[in-house]
Amino acid sequence: QLQLVESGGGLVQPGGSLRLSCVASGFTLDSYTIAWFRQAPGKEREGVSCISSSGGSTKYADSVKGRFTISRDNAKKTVYLGMNYLKPEDTAIYYCAARRGRWLTACFTSSFDSWGQGTQVTVSS
């Protein structure tokens, strides 16, 4: 059974940093594209970042470019989302998702096989 568990969320002041982790179990991570999505209260879910199975390709939403960094360690079955210079508008529940198969440029609109339960990120002074 494919399972993803996110961690690392919390309360941080504007301008601060967090690193989210997404740990996979029940499958070998190195065959999967992994994405981070987020959903703020009253808003639709939006794609934040994607990374290909090898880590060679990445994609970021315009709103986080230059501030967030996605990376992966397939040996540890873990994908990370480093978040710097956080803003109040980054407040949301962050989810990771896995999709088996080749890299797609339109990562955020592709179909994902498994989703985690989410971790809350709150940016507030």
PDB file of N, CA and C in Angstrom:
ATOM      1  N   GLN A   1       0.846  -1.182   0.000  1.00  0.00           N
ATOM      2  CA  GLN A   1       0.000   0.000   0.000  1.00  0.00           C
ATOM      3  C   GLN A   1       0.892   1.246   0.000  1.00  0.00           C
ATOM      4  N   LEU A   2       0.616   2.127  -0.950  1.00  0.00           N
ATOM      5  CA  LEU A   2       1.395   3.343  -1.044  1.00  0.00           C
ATOM      6  C   LEU A   2       0.984   4.301   0.072  1.00  0.00           C
ATOM      7  N   GLN A   3       1.953   4.843   0.765  1.00  0.00           N
ATOM      8  CA  GLN A   3       1.651   5.784   1.836  1.00  0.00           C
ATOM      9  C   GLN A   3       2.681   6.907   1.854  1.00  0.00           C
ATOM     10  N   LEU A   4       2.195   8.131   2.034  1.00  0.00           N
ATOM     11  CA  LEU A   4       3.059   9.304   2.142  1.00  0.00           C
ATOM     12  C   LEU A   4       2.729  10.023   3.443  1.00  0.00           C
ATOM     13  N   VAL A   5       3.759  10.436   4.157  1.00  0.00           N
ATOM     14  CA  VAL A   5       3.562  11.146   5.418  1.00  0.00           C
ATOM     15  C   VAL A   5       4.391  12.423   5.405  1.00  0.00           C
ATOM     16  N   GLU A   6       3.703  13.546   5.563  1.00  0.00           N
ATOM     17  CA  GLU A   6       4.387  14.837   5.601  1.00  0.00           C
ATOM     18  C   GLU A   6       4.697  15.232   7.039  1.00  0.00           C
ATOM     19  N   SER A   7       5.750  16.018   7.199  1.00  0.00           N
ATOM     20  CA  SER A   7       6.091  16.576   8.502  1.00  0.00           C
ATOM     21  C   SER A   7       6.899  17.852   8.290  1.00  0.00           C
ATOM     22  N   GLY A   8       7.096  18.586   9.386  1.00  0.00           N
ATOM     23  CA  GLY A   8       7.933  19.770   9.321  1.00  0.00           C
ATOM     24  C   GLY A   8       7.193  21.093   9.329  1.00  0.00           C
ATOM     25  N   GLY A   9       5.870  21.019   9.275  1.00  0.00           N
ATOM     26  CA  GLY A   9       5.107  22.254   9.312  1.00  0.00           C
ATOM     27  C   GLY A   9       5.135  22.889  10.698  1.00  0.00           C
ATOM     28  N   GLY A  10       4.577  24.101  10.781  1.00  0.00           N
ATOM     29  CA  GLY A  10       4.535  24.781  12.058  1.00  0.00           C
ATOM     30  C   GLY A  10       4.238  26.257  11.891  1.00  0.00           C
ATOM     31  N   LEU A  11       4.423  26.978  12.974  1.00  0.00           N
ATOM     32  CA  LEU A  11       4.214  28.427  12.987  1.00  0.00           C
ATOM     33  C   LEU A  11       5.563  29.126  12.848  1.00  0.00           C
ATOM     34  N   VAL A  12       5.640  30.053  11.919  1.00  0.00           N
ATOM     35  CA  VAL A  12       6.888  30.775  11.683  1.00  0.00           C
ATOM     36  C   VAL A  12       6.559  32.234  11.376  1.00  0.00           C
ATOM     37  N   GLN A  13       7.452  33.105  11.728  1.00  0.00           N
ATOM     38  CA  GLN A  13       7.258  34.533  11.453  1.00  0.00           C
ATOM     39  C   GLN A  13       7.558  34.850   9.986  1.00  0.00           C
ATOM     40  N   PRO A  14       6.970  35.905   9.463  1.00  0.00           N
ATOM     41  CA  PRO A  14       7.314  36.311   8.095  1.00  0.00           C
ATOM     42  C   PRO A  14       8.810  36.498   7.935  1.00  0.00           C
ATOM     43  N   GLY A  15       9.321  36.016   6.818  1.00  0.00           N
ATOM     44  CA  GLY A  15      10.752  36.056   6.575  1.00  0.00           C
ATOM     45  C   GLY A  15      11.486  34.830   7.074  1.00  0.00           C
ATOM     46  N   GLY A  16      10.805  33.985   7.802  1.00  0.00           N
ATOM     47  CA  GLY A  16      11.431  32.794   8.353  1.00  0.00           C
ATOM     48  C   GLY A  16      11.497  31.640   7.371  1.00  0.00           C
ATOM     49  N   SER A  17      11.977  30.507   7.876  1.00  0.00           N
ATOM     50  CA  SER A  17      12.197  29.328   7.036  1.00  0.00           C
ATOM     51  C   SER A  17      11.636  28.072   7.681  1.00  0.00           C
ATOM     52  N   LEU A  18      11.267  27.131   6.851  1.00  0.00           N
ATOM     53  CA  LEU A  18      10.867  25.793   7.275  1.00  0.00           C
ATOM     54  C   LEU A  18      11.332  24.799   6.222  1.00  0.00           C
ATOM     55  N   ARG A  19      11.487  23.551   6.646  1.00  0.00           N
ATOM     56  CA  ARG A  19      11.737  22.480   5.690  1.00  0.00           C
ATOM     57  C   ARG A  19      10.731  21.371   5.925  1.00  0.00           C
ATOM     58  N   LEU A  20       9.941  21.116   4.900  1.00  0.00           N
ATOM     59  CA  LEU A  20       8.964  20.040   4.963  1.00  0.00           C
ATOM     60  C   LEU A  20       9.588  18.751   4.444  1.00  0.00           C
ATOM     61  N   SER A  21       9.145  17.635   5.006  1.00  0.00           N
ATOM     62  CA  SER A  21       9.577  16.324   4.552  1.00  0.00           C
ATOM     63  C   SER A  21       8.370  15.494   4.148  1.00  0.00           C
ATOM     64  N   CYS A  22       8.563  14.660   3.152  1.00  0.00           N
ATOM     65  CA  CYS A  22       7.534  13.727   2.690  1.00  0.00           C
ATOM     66  C   CYS A  22       8.197  12.362   2.627  1.00  0.00           C
ATOM     67  N   VAL A  23       7.800  11.472   3.522  1.00  0.00           N
ATOM     68  CA  VAL A  23       8.396  10.145   3.596  1.00  0.00           C
ATOM     69  C   VAL A  23       7.447   9.120   3.010  1.00  0.00           C
ATOM     70  N   ALA A  24       7.967   8.293   2.132  1.00  0.00           N
ATOM     71  CA  ALA A  24       7.159   7.261   1.466  1.00  0.00           C
ATOM     72  C   ALA A  24       7.365   5.903   2.112  1.00  0.00           C
ATOM     73  N   SER A  25       6.316   5.125   2.110  1.00  0.00           N
ATOM     74  CA  SER A  25       6.426   3.743   2.565  1.00  0.00           C
ATOM     75  C   SER A  25       5.533   2.885   1.681  1.00  0.00           C
ATOM     76  N   GLY A  26       5.902   1.621   1.567  1.00  0.00           N
ATOM     77  CA  GLY A  26       5.097   0.709   0.773  1.00  0.00           C
ATOM     78  C   GLY A  26       5.470   0.679  -0.694  1.00  0.00           C
ATOM     79  N   PHE A  27       6.431   1.518  -1.116  1.00  0.00           N
ATOM     80  CA  PHE A  27       6.861   1.499  -2.499  1.00  0.00           C
ATOM     81  C   PHE A  27       8.241   2.127  -2.610  1.00  0.00           C
ATOM     82  N   THR A  28       8.872   1.840  -3.758  1.00  0.00           N
ATOM     83  CA  THR A  28      10.194   2.407  -4.030  1.00  0.00           C
ATOM     84  C   THR A  28      10.007   3.769  -4.644  1.00  0.00           C
ATOM     85  N   LEU A  29      10.546   4.773  -3.979  1.00  0.00           N
ATOM     86  CA  LEU A  29      10.276   6.152  -4.378  1.00  0.00           C
ATOM     87  C   LEU A  29      10.897   6.509  -5.716  1.00  0.00           C
ATOM     88  N   ASP A  30      11.946   5.836  -6.121  1.00  0.00           N
ATOM     89  CA  ASP A  30      12.718   6.294  -7.277  1.00  0.00           C
ATOM     90  C   ASP A  30      12.031   6.092  -8.615  1.00  0.00           C
ATOM     91  N   SER A  31      10.808   5.568  -8.631  1.00  0.00           N
ATOM     92  CA  SER A  31      10.039   5.463  -9.874  1.00  0.00           C
ATOM     93  C   SER A  31       8.947   6.518  -9.972  1.00  0.00           C
ATOM     94  N   TYR A  32       8.916   7.425  -9.008  1.00  0.00           N
ATOM     95  CA  TYR A  32       7.790   8.340  -8.900  1.00  0.00           C
ATOM     96  C   TYR A  32       8.189   9.810  -9.000  1.00  0.00           C
ATOM     97  N   THR A  33       7.387  10.540  -9.745  1.00  0.00           N
ATOM     98  CA  THR A  33       7.407  11.995  -9.661  1.00  0.00           C
ATOM     99  C   THR A  33       6.692  12.387  -8.372  1.00  0.00           C
ATOM    100  N   ILE A  34       7.265  13.336  -7.660  1.00  0.00           N
ATOM    101  CA  ILE A  34       6.662  13.808  -6.417  1.00  0.00           C
ATOM    102  C   ILE A  34       6.358  15.299  -6.545  1.00  0.00           C
ATOM    103  N   ALA A  35       5.209  15.663  -6.040  1.00  0.00           N
ATOM    104  CA  ALA A  35       4.820  17.073  -6.065  1.00  0.00           C
ATOM    105  C   ALA A  35       4.368  17.528  -4.684  1.00  0.00           C
ATOM    106  N   TRP A  36       4.530  18.813  -4.452  1.00  0.00           N
ATOM    107  CA  TRP A  36       3.956  19.458  -3.276  1.00  0.00           C
ATOM    108  C   TRP A  36       2.822  20.367  -3.744  1.00  0.00           C
ATOM    109  N   PHE A  37       1.706  20.261  -3.064  1.00  0.00           N
ATOM    110  CA  PHE A  37       0.563  21.125  -3.288  1.00  0.00           C
ATOM    111  C   PHE A  37       0.232  21.823  -1.969  1.00  0.00           C
ATOM    112  N   ARG A  38      -0.556  22.862  -2.039  1.00  0.00           N
ATOM    113  CA  ARG A  38      -1.024  23.495  -0.815  1.00  0.00           C
ATOM    114  C   ARG A  38      -2.451  23.990  -0.994  1.00  0.00           C
ATOM    115  N   GLN A  39      -3.135  24.092   0.128  1.00  0.00           N
ATOM    116  CA  GLN A  39      -4.504  24.605   0.099  1.00  0.00           C
ATOM    117  C   GLN A  39      -4.718  25.505   1.294  1.00  0.00           C
ATOM    118  N   ALA A  40      -5.037  26.753   1.013  1.00  0.00           N
ATOM    119  CA  ALA A  40      -5.329  27.727   2.058  1.00  0.00           C
ATOM    120  C   ALA A  40      -6.837  27.757   2.310  1.00  0.00           C
ATOM    121  N   PRO A  41      -7.261  28.187   3.472  1.00  0.00           N
ATOM    122  CA  PRO A  41      -8.700  28.243   3.776  1.00  0.00           C
ATOM    123  C   PRO A  41      -9.458  29.061   2.747  1.00  0.00           C
ATOM    124  N   GLY A  42     -10.526  28.486   2.212  1.00  0.00           N
ATOM    125  CA  GLY A  42     -11.351  29.194   1.256  1.00  0.00           C
ATOM    126  C   GLY A  42     -10.784  29.274  -0.145  1.00  0.00           C
ATOM    127  N   LYS A  43      -9.648  28.623  -0.372  1.00  0.00           N
ATOM    128  CA  LYS A  43      -9.029  28.677  -1.694  1.00  0.00           C
ATOM    129  C   LYS A  43      -8.887  27.283  -2.276  1.00  0.00           C
ATOM    130  N   GLU A  44      -8.709  27.227  -3.587  1.00  0.00           N
ATOM    131  CA  GLU A  44      -8.494  25.949  -4.239  1.00  0.00           C
ATOM    132  C   GLU A  44      -7.066  25.462  -3.998  1.00  0.00           C
ATOM    133  N   ARG A  45      -6.909  24.157  -4.092  1.00  0.00           N
ATOM    134  CA  ARG A  45      -5.574  23.585  -3.990  1.00  0.00           C
ATOM    135  C   ARG A  45      -4.719  24.049  -5.162  1.00  0.00           C
ATOM    136  N   GLU A  46      -3.461  24.343  -4.904  1.00  0.00           N
ATOM    137  CA  GLU A  46      -2.564  24.791  -5.969  1.00  0.00           C
ATOM    138  C   GLU A  46      -1.242  24.041  -5.906  1.00  0.00           C
ATOM    139  N   GLY A  47      -0.649  23.843  -7.062  1.00  0.00           N
ATOM    140  CA  GLY A  47       0.649  23.206  -7.135  1.00  0.00           C
ATOM    141  C   GLY A  47       1.737  24.159  -6.685  1.00  0.00           C
ATOM    142  N   VAL A  48       2.677  23.639  -5.929  1.00  0.00           N
ATOM    143  CA  VAL A  48       3.788  24.434  -5.418  1.00  0.00           C
ATOM    144  C   VAL A  48       5.085  24.061  -6.124  1.00  0.00           C
ATOM    145  N   SER A  49       5.375  22.760  -6.170  1.00  0.00           N
ATOM    146  CA  SER A  49       6.628  22.312  -6.770  1.00  0.00           C
ATOM    147  C   SER A  49       6.543  20.845  -7.127  1.00  0.00           C
ATOM    148  N   CYS A  50       7.298  20.452  -8.151  1.00  0.00           N
ATOM    149  CA  CYS A  50       7.382  19.064  -8.583  1.00  0.00           C
ATOM    150  C   CYS A  50       8.841  18.691  -8.779  1.00  0.00           C
ATOM    151  N   ILE A  51       9.133  17.401  -8.635  1.00  0.00           N
ATOM    152  CA  ILE A  51      10.460  16.910  -8.914  1.00  0.00           C
ATOM    153  C   ILE A  51      10.349  15.547  -9.594  1.00  0.00           C
ATOM    154  N   SER A  52      11.165  15.342 -10.613  1.00  0.00           N
ATOM    155  CA  SER A  52      11.119  14.076 -11.347  1.00  0.00           C
ATOM    156  C   SER A  52      11.714  12.947 -10.520  1.00  0.00           C
ATOM    157  N   SER A  53      11.537  11.717 -11.000  1.00  0.00           N
ATOM    158  CA  SER A  53      11.969  10.544 -10.235  1.00  0.00           C
ATOM    159  C   SER A  53      13.466  10.554  -9.942  1.00  0.00           C
ATOM    160  N   SER A  54      14.250  11.060 -10.878  1.00  0.00           N
ATOM    161  CA  SER A  54      15.707  11.112 -10.687  1.00  0.00           C
ATOM    162  C   SER A  54      16.159  12.373  -9.970  1.00  0.00           C
ATOM    163  N   GLY A  55      15.265  13.354  -9.913  1.00  0.00           N
ATOM    164  CA  GLY A  55      15.631  14.644  -9.339  1.00  0.00           C
ATOM    165  C   GLY A  55      16.208  15.608 -10.366  1.00  0.00           C
ATOM    166  N   GLY A  56      16.306  15.170 -11.609  1.00  0.00           N
ATOM    167  CA  GLY A  56      16.924  15.986 -12.637  1.00  0.00           C
ATOM    168  C   GLY A  56      16.060  17.108 -13.172  1.00  0.00           C
ATOM    169  N   SER A  57      14.754  17.005 -12.974  1.00  0.00           N
ATOM    170  CA  SER A  57      13.829  18.047 -13.434  1.00  0.00           C
ATOM    171  C   SER A  57      12.987  18.536 -12.270  1.00  0.00           C
ATOM    172  N   THR A  58      12.786  19.835 -12.234  1.00  0.00           N
ATOM    173  CA  THR A  58      11.945  20.421 -11.186  1.00  0.00           C
ATOM    174  C   THR A  58      11.059  21.505 -11.791  1.00  0.00           C
ATOM    175  N   LYS A  59      10.012  21.816 -11.065  1.00  0.00           N
ATOM    176  CA  LYS A  59       9.089  22.863 -11.504  1.00  0.00           C
ATOM    177  C   LYS A  59       8.598  23.586 -10.261  1.00  0.00           C
ATOM    178  N   TYR A  60       8.409  24.894 -10.399  1.00  0.00           N
ATOM    179  CA  TYR A  60       7.924  25.694  -9.272  1.00  0.00           C
ATOM    180  C   TYR A  60       6.801  26.615  -9.722  1.00  0.00           C
ATOM    181  N   ALA A  61       5.869  26.848  -8.830  1.00  0.00           N
ATOM    182  CA  ALA A  61       4.876  27.873  -9.069  1.00  0.00           C
ATOM    183  C   ALA A  61       5.568  29.235  -9.045  1.00  0.00           C
ATOM    184  N   ASP A  62       5.059  30.165  -9.840  1.00  0.00           N
ATOM    185  CA  ASP A  62       5.675  31.483  -9.900  1.00  0.00           C
ATOM    186  C   ASP A  62       5.741  32.153  -8.522  1.00  0.00           C
ATOM    187  N   SER A  63       4.744  31.884  -7.706  1.00  0.00           N
ATOM    188  CA  SER A  63       4.650  32.534  -6.400  1.00  0.00           C
ATOM    189  C   SER A  63       5.742  32.104  -5.424  1.00  0.00           C
ATOM    190  N   VAL A  64       6.434  30.990  -5.710  1.00  0.00           N
ATOM    191  CA  VAL A  64       7.451  30.492  -4.774  1.00  0.00           C
ATOM    192  C   VAL A  64       8.844  30.434  -5.377  1.00  0.00           C
ATOM    193  N   LYS A  65       8.963  30.741  -6.659  1.00  0.00           N
ATOM    194  CA  LYS A  65      10.275  30.689  -7.310  1.00  0.00           C
ATOM    195  C   LYS A  65      11.276  31.589  -6.607  1.00  0.00           C
ATOM    196  N   GLY A  66      12.459  31.055  -6.403  1.00  0.00           N
ATOM    197  CA  GLY A  66      13.500  31.811  -5.731  1.00  0.00           C
ATOM    198  C   GLY A  66      13.447  31.741  -4.218  1.00  0.00           C
ATOM    199  N   ARG A  67      12.340  31.213  -3.687  1.00  0.00           N
ATOM    200  CA  ARG A  67      12.193  31.101  -2.232  1.00  0.00           C
ATOM    201  C   ARG A  67      12.128  29.639  -1.760  1.00  0.00           C
ATOM    202  N   PHE A  68      11.533  28.773  -2.570  1.00  0.00           N
ATOM    203  CA  PHE A  68      11.368  27.366  -2.203  1.00  0.00           C
ATOM    204  C   PHE A  68      12.315  26.507  -3.032  1.00  0.00           C
ATOM    205  N   THR A  69      12.752  25.402  -2.437  1.00  0.00           N
ATOM    206  CA  THR A  69      13.618  24.459  -3.133  1.00  0.00           C
ATOM    207  C   THR A  69      13.130  23.040  -2.853  1.00  0.00           C
ATOM    208  N   ILE A  70      12.894  22.291  -3.918  1.00  0.00           N
ATOM    209  CA  ILE A  70      12.490  20.897  -3.773  1.00  0.00           C
ATOM    210  C   ILE A  70      13.705  20.006  -4.011  1.00  0.00           C
ATOM    211  N   SER A  71      13.811  18.931  -3.239  1.00  0.00           N
ATOM    212  CA  SER A  71      14.911  17.990  -3.405  1.00  0.00           C
ATOM    213  C   SER A  71      14.434  16.620  -2.938  1.00  0.00           C
ATOM    214  N   ARG A  72      15.226  15.609  -3.253  1.00  0.00           N
ATOM    215  CA  ARG A  72      14.839  14.268  -2.868  1.00  0.00           C
ATOM    216  C   ARG A  72      16.044  13.424  -2.542  1.00  0.00           C
ATOM    217  N   ASP A  73      15.834  12.440  -1.673  1.00  0.00           N
ATOM    218  CA  ASP A  73      16.826  11.437  -1.330  1.00  0.00           C
ATOM    219  C   ASP A  73      16.123  10.090  -1.478  1.00  0.00           C
ATOM    220  N   ASN A  74      16.296   9.470  -2.631  1.00  0.00           N
ATOM    221  CA  ASN A  74      15.566   8.226  -2.899  1.00  0.00           C
ATOM    222  C   ASN A  74      15.975   7.098  -1.953  1.00  0.00           C
ATOM    223  N   ALA A  75      17.204   7.102  -1.522  1.00  0.00           N
ATOM    224  CA  ALA A  75      17.654   6.070  -0.587  1.00  0.00           C
ATOM    225  C   ALA A  75      16.896   6.159   0.737  1.00  0.00           C
ATOM    226  N   LYS A  76      16.541   7.387   1.116  1.00  0.00           N
ATOM    227  CA  LYS A  76      15.783   7.593   2.354  1.00  0.00           C
ATOM    228  C   LYS A  76      14.281   7.659   2.098  1.00  0.00           C
ATOM    229  N   LYS A  77      13.885   7.497   0.828  1.00  0.00           N
ATOM    230  CA  LYS A  77      12.471   7.558   0.459  1.00  0.00           C
ATOM    231  C   LYS A  77      11.845   8.870   0.931  1.00  0.00           C
ATOM    232  N   THR A  78      12.579   9.938   0.769  1.00  0.00           N
ATOM    233  CA  THR A  78      12.134  11.224   1.297  1.00  0.00           C
ATOM    234  C   THR A  78      12.295  12.334   0.260  1.00  0.00           C
ATOM    235  N   VAL A  79      11.280  13.178   0.177  1.00  0.00           N
ATOM    236  CA  VAL A  79      11.335  14.390  -0.629  1.00  0.00           C
ATOM    237  C   VAL A  79      11.191  15.573   0.313  1.00  0.00           C
ATOM    238  N   TYR A  80      11.963  16.609   0.054  1.00  0.00           N
ATOM    239  CA  TYR A  80      11.983  17.787   0.920  1.00  0.00           C
ATOM    240  C   TYR A  80      11.477  19.018   0.178  1.00  0.00           C
ATOM    241  N   LEU A  81      10.924  19.931   0.925  1.00  0.00           N
ATOM    242  CA  LEU A  81      10.584  21.244   0.386  1.00  0.00           C
ATOM    243  C   LEU A  81      11.158  22.279   1.342  1.00  0.00           C
ATOM    244  N   GLY A  82      12.242  22.903   0.931  1.00  0.00           N
ATOM    245  CA  GLY A  82      12.825  23.969   1.713  1.00  0.00           C
ATOM    246  C   GLY A  82      12.132  25.270   1.395  1.00  0.00           C
ATOM    247  N   MET A  83      11.708  25.968   2.428  1.00  0.00           N
ATOM    248  CA  MET A  83      10.945  27.202   2.230  1.00  0.00           C
ATOM    249  C   MET A  83      11.632  28.340   2.973  1.00  0.00           C
ATOM    250  N   ASN A  84      12.059  29.329   2.238  1.00  0.00           N
ATOM    251  CA  ASN A  84      12.718  30.502   2.809  1.00  0.00           C
ATOM    252  C   ASN A  84      11.891  31.757   2.525  1.00  0.00           C
ATOM    253  N   TYR A  85      12.191  32.818   3.273  1.00  0.00           N
ATOM    254  CA  TYR A  85      11.507  34.109   3.089  1.00  0.00           C
ATOM    255  C   TYR A  85       9.999  33.918   3.050  1.00  0.00           C
ATOM    256  N   LEU A  86       9.502  33.196   3.998  1.00  0.00           N
ATOM    257  CA  LEU A  86       8.083  32.880   4.026  1.00  0.00           C
ATOM    258  C   LEU A  86       7.236  34.134   4.221  1.00  0.00           C
ATOM    259  N   LYS A  87       6.074  34.104   3.581  1.00  0.00           N
ATOM    260  CA  LYS A  87       5.136  35.217   3.622  1.00  0.00           C
ATOM    261  C   LYS A  87       3.815  34.745   4.217  1.00  0.00           C
ATOM    262  N   PRO A  88       3.023  35.648   4.750  1.00  0.00           N
ATOM    263  CA  PRO A  88       1.715  35.239   5.284  1.00  0.00           C
ATOM    264  C   PRO A  88       0.862  34.504   4.250  1.00  0.00           C
ATOM    265  N   GLU A  89       1.008  34.863   2.990  1.00  0.00           N
ATOM    266  CA  GLU A  89       0.221  34.187   1.955  1.00  0.00           C
ATOM    267  C   GLU A  89       0.687  32.763   1.672  1.00  0.00           C
ATOM    268  N   ASP A  90       1.774  32.346   2.267  1.00  0.00           N
ATOM    269  CA  ASP A  90       2.199  30.945   2.169  1.00  0.00           C
ATOM    270  C   ASP A  90       1.465  30.059   3.167  1.00  0.00           C
ATOM    271  N   THR A  91       0.689  30.665   4.041  1.00  0.00           N
ATOM    272  CA  THR A  91      -0.062  29.890   5.031  1.00  0.00           C
ATOM    273  C   THR A  91      -1.044  28.953   4.339  1.00  0.00           C
ATOM    274  N   ALA A  92      -0.955  27.682   4.659  1.00  0.00           N
ATOM    275  CA  ALA A  92      -1.800  26.665   4.017  1.00  0.00           C
ATOM    276  C   ALA A  92      -1.463  25.304   4.603  1.00  0.00           C
ATOM    277  N   ILE A  93      -2.274  24.325   4.244  1.00  0.00           N
ATOM    278  CA  ILE A  93      -1.910  22.934   4.486  1.00  0.00           C
ATOM    279  C   ILE A  93      -1.139  22.467   3.262  1.00  0.00           C
ATOM    280  N   TYR A  94       0.009  21.876   3.502  1.00  0.00           N
ATOM    281  CA  TYR A  94       0.874  21.421   2.418  1.00  0.00           C
ATOM    282  C   TYR A  94       0.784  19.901   2.316  1.00  0.00           C
ATOM    283  N   TYR A  95       0.572  19.439   1.101  1.00  0.00           N
ATOM    284  CA  TYR A  95       0.438  18.013   0.824  1.00  0.00           C
ATOM    285  C   TYR A  95       1.508  17.574  -0.170  1.00  0.00           C
ATOM    286  N   CYS A  96       1.994  16.355   0.002  1.00  0.00           N
ATOM    287  CA  CYS A  96       2.823  15.770  -1.047  1.00  0.00           C
ATOM    288  C   CYS A  96       2.020  14.682  -1.759  1.00  0.00           C
ATOM    289  N   ALA A  97       2.389  14.465  -3.007  1.00  0.00           N
ATOM    290  CA  ALA A  97       1.679  13.495  -3.840  1.00  0.00           C
ATOM    291  C   ALA A  97       2.681  12.780  -4.729  1.00  0.00           C
ATOM    292  N   ALA A  98       2.366  11.534  -5.072  1.00  0.00           N
ATOM    293  CA  ALA A  98       3.258  10.708  -5.883  1.00  0.00           C
ATOM    294  C   ALA A  98       2.553  10.225  -7.133  1.00  0.00           C
ATOM    295  N   ARG A  99       3.297  10.242  -8.230  1.00  0.00           N
ATOM    296  CA  ARG A  99       2.758   9.737  -9.505  1.00  0.00           C
ATOM    297  C   ARG A  99       3.832   8.892 -10.181  1.00  0.00           C
ATOM    298  N   ARG A 100       3.499   7.667 -10.498  1.00  0.00           N
ATOM    299  CA  ARG A 100       4.433   6.776 -11.177  1.00  0.00           C
ATOM    300  C   ARG A 100       4.478   7.136 -12.658  1.00  0.00           C
ATOM    301  N   GLY A 101       5.667   7.083 -13.215  1.00  0.00           N
ATOM    302  CA  GLY A 101       5.768   7.310 -14.651  1.00  0.00           C
ATOM    303  C   GLY A 101       6.704   8.449 -15.001  1.00  0.00           C
ATOM    304  N   ARG A 102       6.722   8.781 -16.303  1.00  0.00           N
ATOM    305  CA  ARG A 102       7.680   9.752 -16.803  1.00  0.00           C
ATOM    306  C   ARG A 102       7.338  11.169 -16.367  1.00  0.00           C
ATOM    307  N   TRP A 103       8.340  12.023 -16.450  1.00  0.00           N
ATOM    308  CA  TRP A 103       8.193  13.436 -16.115  1.00  0.00           C
ATOM    309  C   TRP A 103       7.264  14.122 -17.109  1.00  0.00           C
ATOM    310  N   LEU A 104       6.366  14.913 -16.593  1.00  0.00           N
ATOM    311  CA  LEU A 104       5.465  15.709 -17.401  1.00  0.00           C
ATOM    312  C   LEU A 104       5.662  17.180 -17.064  1.00  0.00           C
ATOM    313  N   THR A 105       5.834  18.004 -18.078  1.00  0.00           N
ATOM    314  CA  THR A 105       6.009  19.433 -17.839  1.00  0.00           C
ATOM    315  C   THR A 105       4.792  20.010 -17.113  1.00  0.00           C
ATOM    316  N   ALA A 106       3.628  19.538 -17.516  1.00  0.00           N
ATOM    317  CA  ALA A 106       2.389  19.983 -16.870  1.00  0.00           C
ATOM    318  C   ALA A 106       2.161  19.171 -15.596  1.00  0.00           C
ATOM    319  N   CYS A 107       3.145  19.226 -14.742  1.00  0.00           N
ATOM    320  CA  CYS A 107       3.125  18.373 -13.545  1.00  0.00           C
ATOM    321  C   CYS A 107       1.919  18.655 -12.668  1.00  0.00           C
ATOM    322  N   PHE A 108       1.621  19.923 -12.429  1.00  0.00           N
ATOM    323  CA  PHE A 108       0.594  20.265 -11.459  1.00  0.00           C
ATOM    324  C   PHE A 108      -0.801  19.805 -11.871  1.00  0.00           C
ATOM    325  N   THR A 109      -1.030  19.642 -13.162  1.00  0.00           N
ATOM    326  CA  THR A 109      -2.369  19.248 -13.617  1.00  0.00           C
ATOM    327  C   THR A 109      -2.453  17.769 -13.958  1.00  0.00           C
ATOM    328  N   SER A 110      -1.376  17.036 -13.753  1.00  0.00           N
ATOM    329  CA  SER A 110      -1.417  15.606 -14.020  1.00  0.00           C
ATOM    330  C   SER A 110      -2.080  14.875 -12.858  1.00  0.00           C
ATOM    331  N   SER A 111      -2.375  13.615 -13.071  1.00  0.00           N
ATOM    332  CA  SER A 111      -3.077  12.822 -12.074  1.00  0.00           C
ATOM    333  C   SER A 111      -2.084  12.126 -11.159  1.00  0.00           C
ATOM    334  N   PHE A 112      -2.297  12.215  -9.857  1.00  0.00           N
ATOM    335  CA  PHE A 112      -1.393  11.598  -8.883  1.00  0.00           C
ATOM    336  C   PHE A 112      -2.028  10.380  -8.231  1.00  0.00           C
ATOM    337  N   ASP A 113      -1.195   9.382  -7.938  1.00  0.00           N
ATOM    338  CA  ASP A 113      -1.682   8.094  -7.436  1.00  0.00           C
ATOM    339  C   ASP A 113      -1.930   8.110  -5.936  1.00  0.00           C
ATOM    340  N   SER A 114      -1.083   8.807  -5.208  1.00  0.00           N
ATOM    341  CA  SER A 114      -1.169   8.778  -3.748  1.00  0.00           C
ATOM    342  C   SER A 114      -0.949  10.170  -3.183  1.00  0.00           C
ATOM    343  N   TRP A 115      -1.622  10.427  -2.083  1.00  0.00           N
ATOM    344  CA  TRP A 115      -1.529  11.716  -1.400  1.00  0.00           C
ATOM    345  C   TRP A 115      -1.276  11.501   0.081  1.00  0.00           C
ATOM    346  N   GLY A 116      -0.536  12.426   0.678  1.00  0.00           N
ATOM    347  CA  GLY A 116      -0.373  12.414   2.120  1.00  0.00           C
ATOM    348  C   GLY A 116      -1.522  13.135   2.808  1.00  0.00           C
ATOM    349  N   GLN A 117      -1.470  13.178   4.139  1.00  0.00           N
ATOM    350  CA  GLN A 117      -2.533  13.795   4.915  1.00  0.00           C
ATOM    351  C   GLN A 117      -2.332  15.296   5.111  1.00  0.00           C
ATOM    352  N   GLY A 118      -1.150  15.768   4.859  1.00  0.00           N
ATOM    353  CA  GLY A 118      -0.895  17.200   4.933  1.00  0.00           C
ATOM    354  C   GLY A 118      -0.231  17.637   6.228  1.00  0.00           C
ATOM    355  N   THR A 119       0.452  18.772   6.148  1.00  0.00           N
ATOM    356  CA  THR A 119       1.061  19.394   7.313  1.00  0.00           C
ATOM    357  C   THR A 119       0.780  20.896   7.245  1.00  0.00           C
ATOM    358  N   GLN A 120       0.402  21.453   8.381  1.00  0.00           N
ATOM    359  CA  GLN A 120       0.002  22.858   8.414  1.00  0.00           C
ATOM    360  C   GLN A 120       1.217  23.765   8.502  1.00  0.00           C
ATOM    361  N   VAL A 121       1.227  24.777   7.640  1.00  0.00           N
ATOM    362  CA  VAL A 121       2.234  25.834   7.705  1.00  0.00           C
ATOM    363  C   VAL A 121       1.506  27.152   7.946  1.00  0.00           C
ATOM    364  N   THR A 122       1.889  27.835   9.005  1.00  0.00           N
ATOM    365  CA  THR A 122       1.286  29.121   9.336  1.00  0.00           C
ATOM    366  C   THR A 122       2.386  30.170   9.440  1.00  0.00           C
ATOM    367  N   VAL A 123       2.245  31.229   8.660  1.00  0.00           N
ATOM    368  CA  VAL A 123       3.219  32.316   8.659  1.00  0.00           C
ATOM    369  C   VAL A 123       2.529  33.549   9.228  1.00  0.00           C
ATOM    370  N   SER A 124       2.949  33.925  10.413  1.00  0.00           N
ATOM    371  CA  SER A 124       2.285  35.021  11.110  1.00  0.00           C
ATOM    372  C   SER A 124       3.202  35.612  12.161  1.00  0.00           C
ATOM    373  N   SER A 125       3.064  36.899  12.363  1.00  0.00           N
ATOM    374  CA  SER A 125       3.828  37.552  13.424  1.00  0.00           C
ATOM    375  C   SER A 125       3.014  37.597  14.714  1.00  0.00           C
TER     376      SER A 125
END
